[in-house]
Amino acid sequence: MNTQDRCRLYLITPPRIEPAEFGGVLAQALDGGDVACVQLRLKDVDDDVIRRAADILRPIAQDRGVALIMNDRPDLAVETGCDGVHVGQQDAGYDDARRLVGDNAIVGVTCHDSRDLAMRAAEKGADYVAFGAFFNSGTKTPKFKADPAILSWWQEIVETPCVAIGGITIENCRPLITAGADFLSVVAGVWDHPDGPAAAVKLFNKAMADIA
């Protein structure tokens, strides 16, 4: 999750999956092109389901040099051998997350459309900050709406990478890449693509390479 010359993909799992079946889908997607990391984000399931999913998906990602990030739960990130954790403003705070996962793990922080939240997260040592939502999404109803200008502002003053999130698709991603997103966080734009996840990953990478 270091800075790089061009934007990269940050995939988020669908909120409900059958882990064994999804493992094959994930493998196809990751083989479709460059992906920086995959966030395991399951909603309304118990911890055992999350553990099982992590145990299945972790080697698929890590064997391909892709980081697996746990959503919300630094404790489960450590227990299941994930590469890091992503925390929202209503989840475990950055300090608690860092204490649990250690200095060498990735800790990313949701910052919505707030420059102040992003600056505070970066000053504490967050590995990335996430801005959004930039577009409406079928995955969740956004409470905050971000403007691409926040990405350009961030790139001018801070070295900490920034992630753009929220309803991002092949069709609407280019302004975010141009504005300076280091990573595009995508859910349905990959998993629900009519030509399949691998084709979507390939198309996202082409868009990123064209603008780099």
N, C-alpha and C. Protein backbone atom coordinates (compact mmCIF):
# COMPACT_ATOMS: atom_id res chain seq x y z
N MET A 1 0.82 -1.20 0.00
CA MET A 1 0.00 0.00 0.00
C MET A 1 0.86 1.26 0.00
N ASN A 2 2.03 1.20 -0.57
CA ASN A 2 2.87 2.39 -0.66
C ASN A 2 2.42 3.25 -1.83
N THR A 3 2.94 4.48 -1.87
CA THR A 3 2.65 5.33 -3.01
C THR A 3 3.27 4.72 -4.26
N GLN A 4 2.67 5.01 -5.40
CA GLN A 4 3.15 4.45 -6.64
C GLN A 4 2.90 5.44 -7.77
N ASP A 5 3.41 5.12 -8.95
CA ASP A 5 3.32 6.05 -10.06
C ASP A 5 1.91 6.18 -10.61
N ARG A 6 1.10 5.13 -10.47
CA ARG A 6 -0.25 5.24 -11.01
C ARG A 6 -1.26 4.63 -10.05
N CYS A 7 -2.51 4.95 -10.30
CA CYS A 7 -3.61 4.46 -9.49
C CYS A 7 -3.71 2.93 -9.59
N ARG A 8 -4.17 2.30 -8.49
CA ARG A 8 -4.33 0.85 -8.45
C ARG A 8 -5.70 0.49 -7.88
N LEU A 9 -6.08 -0.74 -8.08
CA LEU A 9 -7.38 -1.22 -7.61
C LEU A 9 -7.32 -1.69 -6.16
N TYR A 10 -8.39 -1.39 -5.44
CA TYR A 10 -8.59 -1.82 -4.06
C TYR A 10 -9.99 -2.46 -4.05
N LEU A 11 -10.04 -3.77 -4.11
CA LEU A 11 -11.32 -4.45 -4.20
C LEU A 11 -11.92 -4.68 -2.81
N ILE A 12 -13.25 -4.61 -2.74
CA ILE A 12 -13.99 -4.94 -1.52
C ILE A 12 -14.94 -6.08 -1.87
N THR A 13 -14.98 -7.09 -1.00
CA THR A 13 -15.87 -8.21 -1.27
C THR A 13 -17.33 -7.77 -1.20
N PRO A 14 -18.23 -8.47 -1.87
CA PRO A 14 -19.65 -8.24 -1.64
C PRO A 14 -19.98 -8.47 -0.16
N PRO A 15 -21.04 -7.83 0.35
CA PRO A 15 -21.35 -7.95 1.79
C PRO A 15 -21.78 -9.34 2.21
N ARG A 16 -22.25 -10.16 1.27
CA ARG A 16 -22.62 -11.55 1.57
C ARG A 16 -22.04 -12.47 0.49
N ILE A 17 -21.28 -13.46 0.93
CA ILE A 17 -20.67 -14.40 0.00
C ILE A 17 -20.72 -15.80 0.59
N GLU A 18 -20.61 -16.78 -0.28
CA GLU A 18 -20.33 -18.15 0.16
C GLU A 18 -18.84 -18.31 -0.08
N PRO A 19 -18.03 -18.35 0.96
CA PRO A 19 -16.58 -18.21 0.81
C PRO A 19 -15.94 -19.19 -0.17
N ALA A 20 -16.29 -20.48 -0.12
CA ALA A 20 -15.66 -21.45 -1.00
C ALA A 20 -15.95 -21.13 -2.46
N GLU A 21 -17.21 -20.77 -2.74
CA GLU A 21 -17.58 -20.43 -4.12
C GLU A 21 -16.94 -19.12 -4.54
N PHE A 22 -16.93 -18.13 -3.64
CA PHE A 22 -16.37 -16.83 -3.98
C PHE A 22 -14.87 -16.90 -4.18
N GLY A 23 -14.22 -17.87 -3.54
CA GLY A 23 -12.78 -17.99 -3.71
C GLY A 23 -12.37 -18.15 -5.16
N GLY A 24 -13.13 -18.93 -5.91
CA GLY A 24 -12.84 -19.10 -7.33
C GLY A 24 -13.05 -17.81 -8.10
N VAL A 25 -14.09 -17.07 -7.74
CA VAL A 25 -14.37 -15.79 -8.39
C VAL A 25 -13.25 -14.79 -8.09
N LEU A 26 -12.81 -14.78 -6.84
CA LEU A 26 -11.73 -13.88 -6.47
C LEU A 26 -10.45 -14.21 -7.23
N ALA A 27 -10.13 -15.47 -7.33
CA ALA A 27 -8.93 -15.87 -8.05
C ALA A 27 -8.98 -15.39 -9.50
N GLN A 28 -10.11 -15.54 -10.15
CA GLN A 28 -10.26 -15.08 -11.53
C GLN A 28 -10.06 -13.57 -11.63
N ALA A 29 -10.65 -12.85 -10.67
CA ALA A 29 -10.52 -11.39 -10.69
C ALA A 29 -9.07 -10.96 -10.53
N LEU A 30 -8.37 -11.56 -9.57
CA LEU A 30 -6.98 -11.18 -9.32
C LEU A 30 -6.07 -11.57 -10.47
N ASP A 31 -6.43 -12.61 -11.19
CA ASP A 31 -5.65 -13.00 -12.35
C ASP A 31 -5.95 -12.14 -13.58
N GLY A 32 -6.95 -11.26 -13.44
CA GLY A 32 -7.32 -10.39 -14.56
C GLY A 32 -6.42 -9.17 -14.71
N GLY A 33 -5.62 -8.87 -13.69
CA GLY A 33 -4.74 -7.70 -13.77
C GLY A 33 -4.31 -7.25 -12.39
N ASP A 34 -3.63 -6.13 -12.34
CA ASP A 34 -3.06 -5.63 -11.09
C ASP A 34 -4.14 -5.25 -10.09
N VAL A 35 -4.02 -5.77 -8.88
CA VAL A 35 -4.88 -5.41 -7.75
C VAL A 35 -3.98 -5.23 -6.54
N ALA A 36 -4.14 -4.13 -5.82
CA ALA A 36 -3.28 -3.87 -4.66
C ALA A 36 -3.72 -4.65 -3.44
N CYS A 37 -5.02 -4.68 -3.19
CA CYS A 37 -5.50 -5.36 -2.00
C CYS A 37 -6.98 -5.70 -2.13
N VAL A 38 -7.42 -6.57 -1.24
CA VAL A 38 -8.82 -6.98 -1.16
C VAL A 38 -9.26 -6.78 0.28
N GLN A 39 -10.36 -6.08 0.44
CA GLN A 39 -10.92 -5.91 1.79
C GLN A 39 -12.05 -6.90 1.99
N LEU A 40 -11.96 -7.67 3.07
CA LEU A 40 -13.01 -8.61 3.44
C LEU A 40 -14.04 -7.84 4.26
N ARG A 41 -15.18 -7.60 3.65
CA ARG A 41 -16.22 -6.78 4.29
C ARG A 41 -17.54 -7.55 4.24
N LEU A 42 -17.82 -8.28 5.30
CA LEU A 42 -19.05 -9.05 5.41
C LEU A 42 -19.94 -8.40 6.45
N LYS A 43 -21.24 -8.29 6.17
CA LYS A 43 -22.16 -7.62 7.07
C LYS A 43 -23.20 -8.60 7.59
N ASP A 44 -23.54 -8.40 8.87
CA ASP A 44 -24.61 -9.16 9.52
C ASP A 44 -24.32 -10.66 9.52
N VAL A 45 -23.08 -11.01 9.79
CA VAL A 45 -22.70 -12.42 9.93
C VAL A 45 -21.90 -12.55 11.23
N ASP A 46 -21.84 -13.78 11.76
CA ASP A 46 -21.10 -13.95 13.01
C ASP A 46 -19.61 -14.11 12.74
N ASP A 47 -18.83 -14.07 13.81
CA ASP A 47 -17.38 -14.06 13.67
C ASP A 47 -16.85 -15.34 13.02
N ASP A 48 -17.50 -16.46 13.26
CA ASP A 48 -17.02 -17.71 12.66
C ASP A 48 -17.11 -17.68 11.15
N VAL A 49 -18.15 -17.02 10.63
CA VAL A 49 -18.29 -16.88 9.17
C VAL A 49 -17.15 -16.02 8.63
N ILE A 50 -16.83 -14.97 9.34
CA ILE A 50 -15.73 -14.10 8.91
C ILE A 50 -14.41 -14.85 8.96
N ARG A 51 -14.19 -15.60 10.03
CA ARG A 51 -12.95 -16.39 10.14
C ARG A 51 -12.82 -17.38 8.98
N ARG A 52 -13.91 -18.07 8.68
CA ARG A 52 -13.87 -19.06 7.59
C ARG A 52 -13.57 -18.38 6.27
N ALA A 53 -14.22 -17.24 6.02
CA ALA A 53 -13.97 -16.52 4.78
C ALA A 53 -12.52 -16.07 4.69
N ALA A 54 -11.98 -15.56 5.79
CA ALA A 54 -10.59 -15.11 5.78
C ALA A 54 -9.64 -16.26 5.51
N ASP A 55 -9.91 -17.41 6.12
CA ASP A 55 -9.03 -18.57 5.93
C ASP A 55 -9.03 -19.06 4.48
N ILE A 56 -10.17 -18.89 3.80
CA ILE A 56 -10.26 -19.31 2.41
C ILE A 56 -9.66 -18.27 1.46
N LEU A 57 -9.96 -17.00 1.71
CA LEU A 57 -9.57 -15.95 0.77
C LEU A 57 -8.14 -15.46 0.97
N ARG A 58 -7.63 -15.56 2.19
CA ARG A 58 -6.29 -15.04 2.47
C ARG A 58 -5.22 -15.66 1.57
N PRO A 59 -5.12 -16.99 1.48
CA PRO A 59 -4.07 -17.54 0.62
C PRO A 59 -4.28 -17.22 -0.85
N ILE A 60 -5.52 -17.10 -1.28
CA ILE A 60 -5.78 -16.76 -2.68
C ILE A 60 -5.19 -15.40 -2.99
N ALA A 61 -5.38 -14.45 -2.08
CA ALA A 61 -4.85 -13.10 -2.28
C ALA A 61 -3.34 -13.07 -2.07
N GLN A 62 -2.89 -13.57 -0.94
CA GLN A 62 -1.48 -13.43 -0.59
C GLN A 62 -0.56 -14.20 -1.53
N ASP A 63 -1.02 -15.33 -2.04
CA ASP A 63 -0.20 -16.07 -3.00
C ASP A 63 0.03 -15.29 -4.28
N ARG A 64 -0.81 -14.30 -4.52
CA ARG A 64 -0.68 -13.46 -5.71
C ARG A 64 -0.08 -12.10 -5.38
N GLY A 65 0.45 -11.97 -4.17
CA GLY A 65 1.05 -10.71 -3.76
C GLY A 65 0.06 -9.61 -3.48
N VAL A 66 -1.19 -9.99 -3.17
CA VAL A 66 -2.26 -9.04 -2.91
C VAL A 66 -2.57 -9.06 -1.42
N ALA A 67 -2.63 -7.89 -0.78
CA ALA A 67 -2.91 -7.81 0.65
C ALA A 67 -4.38 -8.09 0.91
N LEU A 68 -4.66 -8.80 2.01
CA LEU A 68 -6.03 -9.00 2.46
C LEU A 68 -6.25 -8.13 3.69
N ILE A 69 -7.23 -7.24 3.60
CA ILE A 69 -7.53 -6.27 4.64
C ILE A 69 -8.87 -6.65 5.28
N MET A 70 -8.91 -6.70 6.60
CA MET A 70 -10.15 -6.98 7.33
C MET A 70 -10.89 -5.67 7.58
N ASN A 71 -12.18 -5.66 7.34
CA ASN A 71 -12.99 -4.48 7.61
C ASN A 71 -13.40 -4.47 9.09
N ASP A 72 -13.25 -3.34 9.72
CA ASP A 72 -13.80 -3.06 11.05
C ASP A 72 -13.10 -3.72 12.23
N ARG A 73 -12.54 -4.92 12.06
CA ARG A 73 -12.18 -5.75 13.19
C ARG A 73 -10.67 -6.03 13.27
N PRO A 74 -9.93 -5.16 13.95
CA PRO A 74 -8.49 -5.41 14.09
C PRO A 74 -8.20 -6.71 14.83
N ASP A 75 -9.07 -7.10 15.77
CA ASP A 75 -8.84 -8.34 16.50
C ASP A 75 -8.89 -9.55 15.58
N LEU A 76 -9.88 -9.57 14.68
CA LEU A 76 -9.98 -10.67 13.73
C LEU A 76 -8.90 -10.60 12.66
N ALA A 77 -8.46 -9.39 12.34
CA ALA A 77 -7.36 -9.25 11.37
C ALA A 77 -6.12 -9.97 11.87
N VAL A 78 -5.82 -9.78 13.15
CA VAL A 78 -4.66 -10.44 13.75
C VAL A 78 -4.88 -11.94 13.83
N GLU A 79 -6.05 -12.34 14.32
CA GLU A 79 -6.34 -13.76 14.53
C GLU A 79 -6.28 -14.56 13.24
N THR A 80 -6.72 -13.95 12.13
CA THR A 80 -6.81 -14.69 10.87
C THR A 80 -5.64 -14.45 9.93
N GLY A 81 -4.63 -13.71 10.37
CA GLY A 81 -3.45 -13.52 9.55
C GLY A 81 -3.61 -12.57 8.39
N CYS A 82 -4.55 -11.63 8.52
CA CYS A 82 -4.71 -10.63 7.45
C CYS A 82 -3.54 -9.65 7.47
N ASP A 83 -3.42 -8.91 6.37
CA ASP A 83 -2.31 -7.96 6.24
C ASP A 83 -2.60 -6.62 6.90
N GLY A 84 -3.84 -6.42 7.32
CA GLY A 84 -4.18 -5.15 7.94
C GLY A 84 -5.66 -5.04 8.18
N VAL A 85 -6.07 -3.83 8.54
CA VAL A 85 -7.47 -3.58 8.88
C VAL A 85 -7.88 -2.20 8.36
N HIS A 86 -9.15 -2.10 8.01
CA HIS A 86 -9.73 -0.81 7.64
C HIS A 86 -10.77 -0.45 8.69
N VAL A 87 -10.66 0.75 9.25
CA VAL A 87 -11.60 1.17 10.28
C VAL A 87 -12.35 2.42 9.85
N GLY A 88 -13.66 2.42 10.16
CA GLY A 88 -14.48 3.58 9.90
C GLY A 88 -14.53 4.48 11.12
N GLN A 89 -15.24 5.59 11.00
CA GLN A 89 -15.32 6.53 12.11
C GLN A 89 -16.15 5.99 13.26
N GLN A 90 -16.98 4.98 13.00
CA GLN A 90 -17.79 4.39 14.06
C GLN A 90 -17.20 3.08 14.57
N ASP A 91 -16.07 2.66 14.03
CA ASP A 91 -15.45 1.40 14.42
C ASP A 91 -14.36 1.65 15.46
N ALA A 92 -13.50 0.65 15.64
CA ALA A 92 -12.33 0.84 16.51
C ALA A 92 -11.52 2.03 16.02
N GLY A 93 -11.07 2.86 16.94
CA GLY A 93 -10.28 4.02 16.55
C GLY A 93 -8.93 3.62 16.01
N TYR A 94 -8.27 4.57 15.34
CA TYR A 94 -6.96 4.27 14.77
C TYR A 94 -5.98 3.78 15.82
N ASP A 95 -5.95 4.45 16.96
CA ASP A 95 -4.97 4.09 17.99
C ASP A 95 -5.17 2.65 18.46
N ASP A 96 -6.42 2.27 18.70
CA ASP A 96 -6.69 0.90 19.15
C ASP A 96 -6.36 -0.10 18.05
N ALA A 97 -6.70 0.25 16.82
CA ALA A 97 -6.41 -0.66 15.70
C ALA A 97 -4.91 -0.87 15.55
N ARG A 98 -4.14 0.20 15.62
CA ARG A 98 -2.69 0.09 15.46
C ARG A 98 -2.09 -0.72 16.60
N ARG A 99 -2.58 -0.51 17.79
CA ARG A 99 -2.06 -1.25 18.94
C ARG A 99 -2.29 -2.76 18.76
N LEU A 100 -3.44 -3.13 18.19
CA LEU A 100 -3.78 -4.54 18.03
C LEU A 100 -3.02 -5.19 16.89
N VAL A 101 -2.91 -4.50 15.76
CA VAL A 101 -2.32 -5.14 14.58
C VAL A 101 -0.81 -4.96 14.49
N GLY A 102 -0.27 -3.98 15.21
CA GLY A 102 1.17 -3.78 15.19
C GLY A 102 1.63 -2.78 14.14
N ASP A 103 2.89 -2.43 14.23
CA ASP A 103 3.45 -1.39 13.36
C ASP A 103 3.61 -1.82 11.91
N ASN A 104 3.73 -3.12 11.67
CA ASN A 104 4.02 -3.58 10.31
C ASN A 104 2.77 -3.87 9.48
N ALA A 105 1.59 -3.83 10.11
CA ALA A 105 0.35 -4.10 9.38
C ALA A 105 -0.21 -2.82 8.79
N ILE A 106 -1.09 -2.96 7.83
CA ILE A 106 -1.76 -1.83 7.19
C ILE A 106 -2.94 -1.40 8.05
N VAL A 107 -3.06 -0.11 8.28
CA VAL A 107 -4.26 0.44 8.91
C VAL A 107 -4.76 1.60 8.06
N GLY A 108 -5.96 1.43 7.52
CA GLY A 108 -6.59 2.48 6.72
C GLY A 108 -7.79 3.04 7.45
N VAL A 109 -8.12 4.29 7.15
CA VAL A 109 -9.17 4.98 7.91
C VAL A 109 -10.15 5.66 6.95
N THR A 110 -11.45 5.44 7.19
CA THR A 110 -12.49 6.15 6.46
C THR A 110 -12.52 7.60 6.93
N CYS A 111 -12.51 8.52 5.98
CA CYS A 111 -12.53 9.95 6.32
C CYS A 111 -13.67 10.71 5.63
N HIS A 112 -14.55 9.98 4.96
CA HIS A 112 -15.73 10.57 4.31
C HIS A 112 -15.31 11.71 3.37
N ASP A 113 -15.84 12.91 3.64
CA ASP A 113 -15.48 14.08 2.83
C ASP A 113 -14.75 15.11 3.68
N SER A 114 -14.13 14.64 4.77
CA SER A 114 -13.55 15.55 5.76
C SER A 114 -12.04 15.68 5.62
N ARG A 115 -11.59 16.87 5.34
CA ARG A 115 -10.16 17.14 5.29
C ARG A 115 -9.55 17.04 6.69
N ASP A 116 -10.30 17.47 7.70
CA ASP A 116 -9.80 17.42 9.07
C ASP A 116 -9.59 15.99 9.54
N LEU A 117 -10.57 15.11 9.30
CA LEU A 117 -10.42 13.71 9.69
C LEU A 117 -9.23 13.07 8.98
N ALA A 118 -9.06 13.40 7.72
CA ALA A 118 -7.95 12.83 6.94
C ALA A 118 -6.61 13.30 7.47
N MET A 119 -6.50 14.58 7.77
CA MET A 119 -5.24 15.11 8.29
C MET A 119 -4.89 14.47 9.63
N ARG A 120 -5.89 14.31 10.49
CA ARG A 120 -5.63 13.70 11.80
C ARG A 120 -5.20 12.24 11.66
N ALA A 121 -5.85 11.52 10.74
CA ALA A 121 -5.47 10.11 10.52
C ALA A 121 -4.05 10.01 9.99
N ALA A 122 -3.71 10.87 9.04
CA ALA A 122 -2.35 10.85 8.47
C ALA A 122 -1.30 11.19 9.51
N GLU A 123 -1.60 12.18 10.34
CA GLU A 123 -0.65 12.59 11.37
C GLU A 123 -0.40 11.48 12.38
N LYS A 124 -1.41 10.64 12.63
CA LYS A 124 -1.25 9.54 13.56
C LYS A 124 -0.47 8.37 12.96
N GLY A 125 -0.41 8.34 11.61
CA GLY A 125 0.36 7.28 10.97
C GLY A 125 -0.45 6.32 10.12
N ALA A 126 -1.68 6.67 9.78
CA ALA A 126 -2.49 5.80 8.93
C ALA A 126 -1.75 5.51 7.62
N ASP A 127 -1.91 4.29 7.12
CA ASP A 127 -1.26 3.91 5.87
C ASP A 127 -1.99 4.45 4.66
N TYR A 128 -3.27 4.72 4.82
CA TYR A 128 -4.04 5.39 3.78
C TYR A 128 -5.29 5.99 4.40
N VAL A 129 -5.85 6.98 3.71
CA VAL A 129 -7.14 7.54 4.09
C VAL A 129 -8.11 7.30 2.94
N ALA A 130 -9.38 7.10 3.27
CA ALA A 130 -10.38 6.81 2.25
C ALA A 130 -11.41 7.93 2.21
N PHE A 131 -11.59 8.51 1.02
CA PHE A 131 -12.58 9.57 0.81
C PHE A 131 -13.77 9.02 0.03
N GLY A 132 -14.96 9.53 0.33
CA GLY A 132 -16.14 9.13 -0.42
C GLY A 132 -17.40 9.31 0.42
N ALA A 133 -18.53 9.03 -0.15
CA ALA A 133 -18.72 8.39 -1.44
C ALA A 133 -18.71 9.43 -2.56
N PHE A 134 -18.13 9.03 -3.70
CA PHE A 134 -18.10 9.91 -4.85
C PHE A 134 -19.33 9.74 -5.73
N PHE A 135 -19.92 8.57 -5.72
CA PHE A 135 -21.11 8.29 -6.51
C PHE A 135 -22.08 7.46 -5.67
N ASN A 136 -23.33 7.43 -6.11
CA ASN A 136 -24.30 6.57 -5.44
C ASN A 136 -23.94 5.11 -5.66
N SER A 137 -24.28 4.29 -4.70
CA SER A 137 -23.89 2.89 -4.74
C SER A 137 -25.05 2.00 -4.35
N GLY A 138 -25.13 0.82 -4.96
CA GLY A 138 -26.13 -0.16 -4.57
C GLY A 138 -25.70 -0.95 -3.35
N THR A 139 -24.43 -0.82 -2.96
CA THR A 139 -23.92 -1.57 -1.81
C THR A 139 -24.38 -0.98 -0.50
N LYS A 140 -24.35 0.34 -0.40
CA LYS A 140 -24.80 1.01 0.82
C LYS A 140 -25.23 2.42 0.47
N THR A 141 -26.12 2.98 1.29
CA THR A 141 -26.59 4.34 1.07
C THR A 141 -25.58 5.30 1.67
N PRO A 142 -24.95 6.14 0.85
CA PRO A 142 -23.91 7.03 1.38
C PRO A 142 -24.49 8.14 2.24
N LYS A 143 -23.85 8.37 3.38
CA LYS A 143 -24.24 9.48 4.25
C LYS A 143 -23.43 10.73 3.93
N PHE A 144 -22.33 10.54 3.19
CA PHE A 144 -21.46 11.66 2.84
C PHE A 144 -21.20 11.63 1.34
N LYS A 145 -21.05 12.80 0.75
CA LYS A 145 -20.75 12.90 -0.68
C LYS A 145 -19.47 13.71 -0.85
N ALA A 146 -18.49 13.11 -1.48
CA ALA A 146 -17.20 13.78 -1.66
C ALA A 146 -17.06 14.28 -3.09
N ASP A 147 -16.30 15.32 -3.25
CA ASP A 147 -16.00 15.90 -4.57
C ASP A 147 -14.58 15.50 -4.96
N PRO A 148 -14.35 15.19 -6.24
CA PRO A 148 -12.99 14.82 -6.66
C PRO A 148 -11.92 15.84 -6.31
N ALA A 149 -12.32 17.08 -6.09
CA ALA A 149 -11.33 18.11 -5.73
C ALA A 149 -10.59 17.78 -4.45
N ILE A 150 -11.21 17.01 -3.56
CA ILE A 150 -10.53 16.67 -2.31
C ILE A 150 -9.32 15.77 -2.57
N LEU A 151 -9.38 14.98 -3.63
CA LEU A 151 -8.25 14.12 -4.00
C LEU A 151 -7.07 14.96 -4.49
N SER A 152 -7.37 15.96 -5.30
CA SER A 152 -6.31 16.85 -5.81
C SER A 152 -5.67 17.64 -4.67
N TRP A 153 -6.52 18.14 -3.78
CA TRP A 153 -6.02 18.88 -2.61
C TRP A 153 -5.11 18.00 -1.78
N TRP A 154 -5.52 16.76 -1.55
CA TRP A 154 -4.74 15.84 -0.73
C TRP A 154 -3.37 15.56 -1.35
N GLN A 155 -3.35 15.34 -2.63
CA GLN A 155 -2.09 15.02 -3.31
C GLN A 155 -1.11 16.18 -3.25
N GLU A 156 -1.61 17.38 -3.16
CA GLU A 156 -0.72 18.55 -3.14
C GLU A 156 -0.01 18.73 -1.81
N ILE A 157 -0.60 18.20 -0.71
CA ILE A 157 -0.05 18.54 0.60
C ILE A 157 0.39 17.35 1.45
N VAL A 158 -0.04 16.13 1.11
CA VAL A 158 0.22 14.98 1.98
C VAL A 158 0.74 13.81 1.16
N GLU A 159 1.69 13.06 1.72
CA GLU A 159 2.24 11.90 1.03
C GLU A 159 1.44 10.63 1.31
N THR A 160 0.67 10.60 2.39
CA THR A 160 -0.14 9.41 2.70
C THR A 160 -1.10 9.11 1.55
N PRO A 161 -1.14 7.87 1.07
CA PRO A 161 -2.01 7.54 -0.06
C PRO A 161 -3.49 7.76 0.27
N CYS A 162 -4.27 8.05 -0.77
CA CYS A 162 -5.70 8.23 -0.61
C CYS A 162 -6.46 7.23 -1.49
N VAL A 163 -7.57 6.75 -0.93
CA VAL A 163 -8.44 5.80 -1.61
C VAL A 163 -9.76 6.48 -1.91
N ALA A 164 -10.24 6.34 -3.14
CA ALA A 164 -11.56 6.85 -3.52
C ALA A 164 -12.55 5.70 -3.46
N ILE A 165 -13.72 5.97 -2.86
CA ILE A 165 -14.69 4.91 -2.67
C ILE A 165 -16.11 5.42 -2.95
N GLY A 166 -16.98 4.50 -3.37
CA GLY A 166 -18.38 4.85 -3.50
C GLY A 166 -18.90 4.83 -4.92
N GLY A 167 -19.50 3.71 -5.32
CA GLY A 167 -20.18 3.61 -6.60
C GLY A 167 -19.29 3.74 -7.82
N ILE A 168 -18.03 3.37 -7.69
CA ILE A 168 -17.07 3.56 -8.78
C ILE A 168 -17.20 2.44 -9.80
N THR A 169 -17.27 2.82 -11.07
CA THR A 169 -17.40 1.88 -12.18
C THR A 169 -16.39 2.22 -13.27
N ILE A 170 -16.30 1.35 -14.25
CA ILE A 170 -15.45 1.64 -15.41
C ILE A 170 -15.85 2.96 -16.06
N GLU A 171 -17.14 3.22 -16.11
CA GLU A 171 -17.66 4.38 -16.82
C GLU A 171 -17.37 5.70 -16.11
N ASN A 172 -17.30 5.69 -14.77
CA ASN A 172 -17.15 6.97 -14.06
C ASN A 172 -15.82 7.16 -13.34
N CYS A 173 -14.90 6.21 -13.51
CA CYS A 173 -13.68 6.24 -12.70
C CYS A 173 -12.65 7.27 -13.14
N ARG A 174 -12.68 7.68 -14.39
CA ARG A 174 -11.58 8.49 -14.92
C ARG A 174 -11.37 9.83 -14.22
N PRO A 175 -12.45 10.56 -13.87
CA PRO A 175 -12.21 11.82 -13.15
C PRO A 175 -11.52 11.63 -11.81
N LEU A 176 -11.75 10.50 -11.15
CA LEU A 176 -11.11 10.24 -9.87
C LEU A 176 -9.63 9.92 -10.05
N ILE A 177 -9.32 9.19 -11.11
CA ILE A 177 -7.91 8.90 -11.42
C ILE A 177 -7.18 10.20 -11.74
N THR A 178 -7.79 11.02 -12.59
CA THR A 178 -7.19 12.28 -12.98
C THR A 178 -7.00 13.21 -11.79
N ALA A 179 -7.96 13.18 -10.86
CA ALA A 179 -7.89 14.06 -9.69
C ALA A 179 -6.79 13.66 -8.72
N GLY A 180 -6.33 12.40 -8.78
CA GLY A 180 -5.20 12.01 -7.95
C GLY A 180 -5.42 10.85 -7.01
N ALA A 181 -6.48 10.07 -7.18
CA ALA A 181 -6.68 8.91 -6.32
C ALA A 181 -5.51 7.94 -6.48
N ASP A 182 -4.97 7.48 -5.37
CA ASP A 182 -3.92 6.46 -5.42
C ASP A 182 -4.52 5.07 -5.61
N PHE A 183 -5.73 4.90 -5.10
CA PHE A 183 -6.44 3.62 -5.22
C PHE A 183 -7.91 3.89 -5.48
N LEU A 184 -8.52 3.03 -6.28
CA LEU A 184 -9.97 3.04 -6.48
C LEU A 184 -10.55 1.84 -5.76
N SER A 185 -11.45 2.09 -4.81
CA SER A 185 -12.10 1.02 -4.07
C SER A 185 -13.40 0.65 -4.78
N VAL A 186 -13.48 -0.60 -5.20
CA VAL A 186 -14.59 -1.02 -6.06
C VAL A 186 -15.26 -2.27 -5.52
N VAL A 187 -16.58 -2.29 -5.59
CA VAL A 187 -17.35 -3.48 -5.20
C VAL A 187 -18.11 -3.96 -6.43
N ALA A 188 -19.33 -3.47 -6.62
CA ALA A 188 -20.19 -3.95 -7.71
C ALA A 188 -19.57 -3.68 -9.08
N GLY A 189 -18.77 -2.62 -9.18
CA GLY A 189 -18.16 -2.30 -10.47
C GLY A 189 -17.27 -3.40 -11.00
N VAL A 190 -16.83 -4.30 -10.13
CA VAL A 190 -16.07 -5.47 -10.55
C VAL A 190 -16.92 -6.73 -10.48
N TRP A 191 -17.53 -6.99 -9.32
CA TRP A 191 -18.22 -8.28 -9.14
C TRP A 191 -19.48 -8.41 -9.99
N ASP A 192 -20.11 -7.29 -10.32
CA ASP A 192 -21.34 -7.34 -11.11
C ASP A 192 -21.13 -6.92 -12.56
N HIS A 193 -19.90 -6.81 -12.99
CA HIS A 193 -19.65 -6.39 -14.37
C HIS A 193 -20.22 -7.43 -15.33
N PRO A 194 -20.90 -7.00 -16.39
CA PRO A 194 -21.55 -7.95 -17.30
C PRO A 194 -20.61 -8.93 -17.97
N ASP A 195 -19.34 -8.56 -18.11
CA ASP A 195 -18.37 -9.46 -18.74
C ASP A 195 -17.56 -10.25 -17.72
N GLY A 196 -17.90 -10.10 -16.45
CA GLY A 196 -17.22 -10.85 -15.40
C GLY A 196 -16.14 -10.04 -14.70
N PRO A 197 -15.78 -10.46 -13.47
CA PRO A 197 -14.80 -9.72 -12.67
C PRO A 197 -13.42 -9.58 -13.32
N ALA A 198 -12.94 -10.63 -13.96
CA ALA A 198 -11.61 -10.55 -14.58
C ALA A 198 -11.58 -9.50 -15.67
N ALA A 199 -12.64 -9.44 -16.47
CA ALA A 199 -12.71 -8.43 -17.53
C ALA A 199 -12.77 -7.04 -16.92
N ALA A 200 -13.50 -6.90 -15.82
CA ALA A 200 -13.61 -5.59 -15.17
C ALA A 200 -12.25 -5.13 -14.64
N VAL A 201 -11.52 -6.04 -13.99
CA VAL A 201 -10.19 -5.69 -13.49
C VAL A 201 -9.28 -5.24 -14.63
N LYS A 202 -9.35 -5.96 -15.73
CA LYS A 202 -8.54 -5.60 -16.90
C LYS A 202 -8.90 -4.21 -17.42
N LEU A 203 -10.20 -3.90 -17.47
CA LEU A 203 -10.64 -2.60 -17.97
C LEU A 203 -10.26 -1.47 -17.02
N PHE A 204 -10.38 -1.71 -15.72
CA PHE A 204 -9.94 -0.70 -14.76
C PHE A 204 -8.45 -0.42 -14.91
N ASN A 205 -7.67 -1.46 -15.06
CA ASN A 205 -6.22 -1.27 -15.22
C ASN A 205 -5.88 -0.51 -16.49
N LYS A 206 -6.65 -0.76 -17.54
CA LYS A 206 -6.42 -0.03 -18.79
C LYS A 206 -6.70 1.46 -18.59
N ALA A 207 -7.80 1.76 -17.90
CA ALA A 207 -8.13 3.16 -17.65
C ALA A 207 -7.04 3.83 -16.82
N MET A 208 -6.53 3.13 -15.82
CA MET A 208 -5.47 3.69 -14.98
C MET A 208 -4.18 3.90 -15.76
N ALA A 209 -3.85 2.95 -16.62
CA ALA A 209 -2.63 3.08 -17.42
C ALA A 209 -2.76 4.20 -18.44
N ASP A 210 -3.94 4.39 -18.98
CA ASP A 210 -4.14 5.44 -19.98
C ASP A 210 -3.94 6.83 -19.38
N ILE A 211 -4.27 6.97 -18.10
CA ILE A 211 -4.21 8.30 -17.46
C ILE A 211 -2.88 8.53 -16.75
N ALA A 212 -2.17 7.45 -16.44
CA ALA A 212 -0.89 7.59 -15.72
C ALA A 212 0.10 8.44 -16.50
